[in-house]
């Protein structure tokens, strides 16, 4: 019984390639291509790291120091970004609400009360 390629069964013609795909042969062109791609990726990785290091001081220049919050601290909530259905005149509304006690600090910007 002869082996029939699945390609012949599906498309009714012989697959035209230079290398027998059933054999486990390393093709030099493929190996060279793989090495070239790895080299390009490493060069890109190095360039990105260098650029990140150069840009970090510029990005940090605009950043503010963040206060370290701890459990049990009392905080006030700014209403600047809150949305209300009915809003009173701006000059009559307090700028901050509550006096909340911190239960858990999730991250530097997220606090559970």
C-alpha atoms as a PDB file:
ATOM      1  CA  UNK A   1       0.000   0.000   0.000  1.00  0.00           C
ATOM      2  CA  UNK A   2       1.468   3.388  -0.974  1.00  0.00           C
ATOM      3  CA  UNK A   3       1.257   6.503   1.145  1.00  0.00           C
ATOM      4  CA  UNK A   4      -0.810   9.283  -0.356  1.00  0.00           C
ATOM      5  CA  UNK A   5      -0.093  12.828   0.683  1.00  0.00           C
ATOM      6  CA  UNK A   6      -3.058  14.645   2.271  1.00  0.00           C
ATOM      7  CA  UNK A   7      -2.303  17.550  -0.061  1.00  0.00           C
ATOM      8  CA  UNK A   8      -2.934  15.336  -3.099  1.00  0.00           C
ATOM      9  CA  UNK A   9      -6.201  14.113  -1.595  1.00  0.00           C
ATOM     10  CA  UNK A  10      -7.463  17.616  -0.857  1.00  0.00           C
ATOM     11  CA  UNK A  11      -6.301  19.458  -3.969  1.00  0.00           C
ATOM     12  CA  UNK A  12      -5.762  16.659  -6.556  1.00  0.00           C
ATOM     13  CA  UNK A  13      -2.214  17.704  -7.365  1.00  0.00           C
ATOM     14  CA  UNK A  14       1.287  17.163  -6.045  1.00  0.00           C
ATOM     15  CA  UNK A  15       2.782  19.692  -3.652  1.00  0.00           C
ATOM     16  CA  UNK A  16       5.812  21.375  -5.253  1.00  0.00           C
ATOM     17  CA  UNK A  17       8.567  22.088  -2.742  1.00  0.00           C
ATOM     18  CA  UNK A  18      12.327  21.705  -2.885  1.00  0.00           C
ATOM     19  CA  UNK A  19      12.705  19.833   0.396  1.00  0.00           C
ATOM     20  CA  UNK A  20      10.931  16.691   1.509  1.00  0.00           C
ATOM     21  CA  UNK A  21       8.912  17.870   4.511  1.00  0.00           C
ATOM     22  CA  UNK A  22       8.725  14.388   5.984  1.00  0.00           C
ATOM     23  CA  UNK A  23      12.476  14.276   6.589  1.00  0.00           C
ATOM     24  CA  UNK A  24      13.881  16.086   9.617  1.00  0.00           C
ATOM     25  CA  UNK A  25      16.535  18.075   7.815  1.00  0.00           C
ATOM     26  CA  UNK A  26      17.771  21.443   8.995  1.00  0.00           C
ATOM     27  CA  UNK A  27      17.591  23.877   6.165  1.00  0.00           C
ATOM     28  CA  UNK A  28      20.435  26.342   6.288  1.00  0.00           C
ATOM     29  CA  UNK A  29      18.303  29.197   4.992  1.00  0.00           C
ATOM     30  CA  UNK A  30      15.742  28.705   7.752  1.00  0.00           C
ATOM     31  CA  UNK A  31      18.449  28.540  10.411  1.00  0.00           C
ATOM     32  CA  UNK A  32      20.074  31.721   9.110  1.00  0.00           C
ATOM     33  CA  UNK A  33      16.689  33.451   8.983  1.00  0.00           C
ATOM     34  CA  UNK A  34      15.969  32.437  12.592  1.00  0.00           C
ATOM     35  CA  UNK A  35      19.355  33.715  13.771  1.00  0.00           C
ATOM     36  CA  UNK A  36      18.859  36.993  11.897  1.00  0.00           C
ATOM     37  CA  UNK A  37      15.416  37.476  13.491  1.00  0.00           C
ATOM     38  CA  UNK A  38      16.812  36.755  16.972  1.00  0.00           C
ATOM     39  CA  UNK A  39      19.596  39.286  16.404  1.00  0.00           C
ATOM     40  CA  UNK A  40      17.099  41.931  15.240  1.00  0.00           C
ATOM     41  CA  UNK A  41      14.876  41.276  18.274  1.00  0.00           C
ATOM     42  CA  UNK A  42      17.823  41.636  20.655  1.00  0.00           C
ATOM     43  CA  UNK A  43      18.901  44.901  18.979  1.00  0.00           C
ATOM     44  CA  UNK A  44      15.336  46.225  19.285  1.00  0.00           C
ATOM     45  CA  UNK A  45      15.198  45.178  22.959  1.00  0.00           C
ATOM     46  CA  UNK A  46      18.470  47.011  23.688  1.00  0.00           C
ATOM     47  CA  UNK A  47      17.290  50.123  21.811  1.00  0.00           C
ATOM     48  CA  UNK A  48      14.000  50.158  23.737  1.00  0.00           C
ATOM     49  CA  UNK A  49      15.782  49.848  27.095  1.00  0.00           C
ATOM     50  CA  UNK A  50      18.143  52.684  26.161  1.00  0.00           C
ATOM     51  CA  UNK A  51      15.247  54.896  25.070  1.00  0.00           C
ATOM     52  CA  UNK A  52      13.314  54.129  28.271  1.00  0.00           C
ATOM     53  CA  UNK A  53      16.327  55.097  30.376  1.00  0.00           C
ATOM     54  CA  UNK A  54      16.735  58.348  28.428  1.00  0.00           C
ATOM     55  CA  UNK A  55      13.026  59.254  28.684  1.00  0.00           C
ATOM     56  CA  UNK A  56      12.581  58.374  32.381  1.00  0.00           C
ATOM     57  CA  UNK A  57      14.083  61.628  33.772  1.00  0.00           C
ATOM     58  CA  UNK A  58      11.808  63.689  31.502  1.00  0.00           C
ATOM     59  CA  UNK A  59       8.720  61.738  32.558  1.00  0.00           C
ATOM     60  CA  UNK A  60       9.654  61.869  36.257  1.00  0.00           C
ATOM     61  CA  UNK A  61      10.181  65.643  36.110  1.00  0.00           C
ATOM     62  CA  UNK A  62       6.399  66.204  35.840  1.00  0.00           C
ATOM     63  CA  UNK A  63       5.447  63.601  38.454  1.00  0.00           C
ATOM     64  CA  UNK A  64       4.484  64.627  41.948  1.00  0.00           C
ATOM     65  CA  UNK A  65       5.508  62.914  45.140  1.00  0.00           C
ATOM     66  CA  UNK A  66       2.640  60.778  46.442  1.00  0.00           C
ATOM     67  CA  UNK A  67       1.740  60.763  50.103  1.00  0.00           C
ATOM     68  CA  UNK A  68       2.063  57.374  51.772  1.00  0.00           C
ATOM     69  CA  UNK A  69      -1.347  56.371  53.116  1.00  0.00           C
ATOM     70  CA  UNK A  70      -1.743  54.021  56.085  1.00  0.00           C
ATOM     71  CA  UNK A  71      -4.655  52.140  57.610  1.00  0.00           C
ATOM     72  CA  UNK A  72      -6.516  54.282  60.144  1.00  0.00           C
ATOM     73  CA  UNK A  73      -5.686  57.647  58.502  1.00  0.00           C
ATOM     74  CA  UNK A  74      -8.553  60.089  58.035  1.00  0.00           C
ATOM     75  CA  UNK A  75      -9.085  61.482  54.530  1.00  0.00           C
ATOM     76  CA  UNK A  76     -11.423  63.870  52.756  1.00  0.00           C
ATOM     77  CA  UNK A  77     -12.846  63.129  49.291  1.00  0.00           C
ATOM     78  CA  UNK A  78     -12.639  65.818  46.603  1.00  0.00           C
ATOM     79  CA  UNK A  79     -15.876  66.268  44.651  1.00  0.00           C
ATOM     80  CA  UNK A  80     -14.101  67.833  41.677  1.00  0.00           C
ATOM     81  CA  UNK A  81     -14.500  64.730  39.486  1.00  0.00           C
ATOM     82  CA  UNK A  82     -17.785  63.426  40.912  1.00  0.00           C
ATOM     83  CA  UNK A  83     -20.932  63.692  38.794  1.00  0.00           C
ATOM     84  CA  UNK A  84     -24.231  64.682  40.418  1.00  0.00           C
ATOM     85  CA  UNK A  85     -27.713  64.517  38.880  1.00  0.00           C
ATOM     86  CA  UNK A  86     -28.776  67.794  40.476  1.00  0.00           C
ATOM     87  CA  UNK A  87     -25.998  70.178  41.296  1.00  0.00           C
ATOM     88  CA  UNK A  88     -26.349  73.247  43.464  1.00  0.00           C
ATOM     89  CA  UNK A  89     -24.566  76.467  42.679  1.00  0.00           C
ATOM     90  CA  UNK A  90     -20.835  75.845  42.647  1.00  0.00           C
ATOM     91  CA  UNK A  91     -20.089  78.459  45.281  1.00  0.00           C
ATOM     92  CA  UNK A  92     -22.515  76.835  47.739  1.00  0.00           C
ATOM     93  CA  UNK A  93     -21.106  73.293  47.516  1.00  0.00           C
ATOM     94  CA  UNK A  94     -18.219  72.121  49.681  1.00  0.00           C
ATOM     95  CA  UNK A  95     -15.057  71.199  47.808  1.00  0.00           C
ATOM     96  CA  UNK A  96     -14.502  68.084  49.929  1.00  0.00           C
ATOM     97  CA  UNK A  97     -16.887  65.649  51.581  1.00  0.00           C
ATOM     98  CA  UNK A  98     -16.723  63.434  54.607  1.00  0.00           C
ATOM     99  CA  UNK A  99     -14.017  62.447  56.892  1.00  0.00           C
ATOM    100  CA  UNK A 100     -13.364  58.850  55.920  1.00  0.00           C
ATOM    101  CA  UNK A 101     -11.133  56.392  57.767  1.00  0.00           C
ATOM    102  CA  UNK A 102      -8.883  54.206  55.602  1.00  0.00           C
ATOM    103  CA  UNK A 103      -9.591  50.482  56.058  1.00  0.00           C
ATOM    104  CA  UNK A 104      -7.198  49.122  53.441  1.00  0.00           C
ATOM    105  CA  UNK A 105      -4.605  50.585  51.055  1.00  0.00           C
ATOM    106  CA  UNK A 106      -4.922  48.683  47.757  1.00  0.00           C
ATOM    107  CA  UNK A 107      -2.297  50.710  45.858  1.00  0.00           C
ATOM    108  CA  UNK A 108      -0.887  54.242  45.906  1.00  0.00           C
ATOM    109  CA  UNK A 109      -4.009  55.569  44.141  1.00  0.00           C
ATOM    110  CA  UNK A 110      -6.666  53.170  45.449  1.00  0.00           C
ATOM    111  CA  UNK A 111      -7.880  53.235  49.034  1.00  0.00           C
ATOM    112  CA  UNK A 112     -10.767  51.274  50.535  1.00  0.00           C
ATOM    113  CA  UNK A 113     -12.736  52.901  53.311  1.00  0.00           C
END
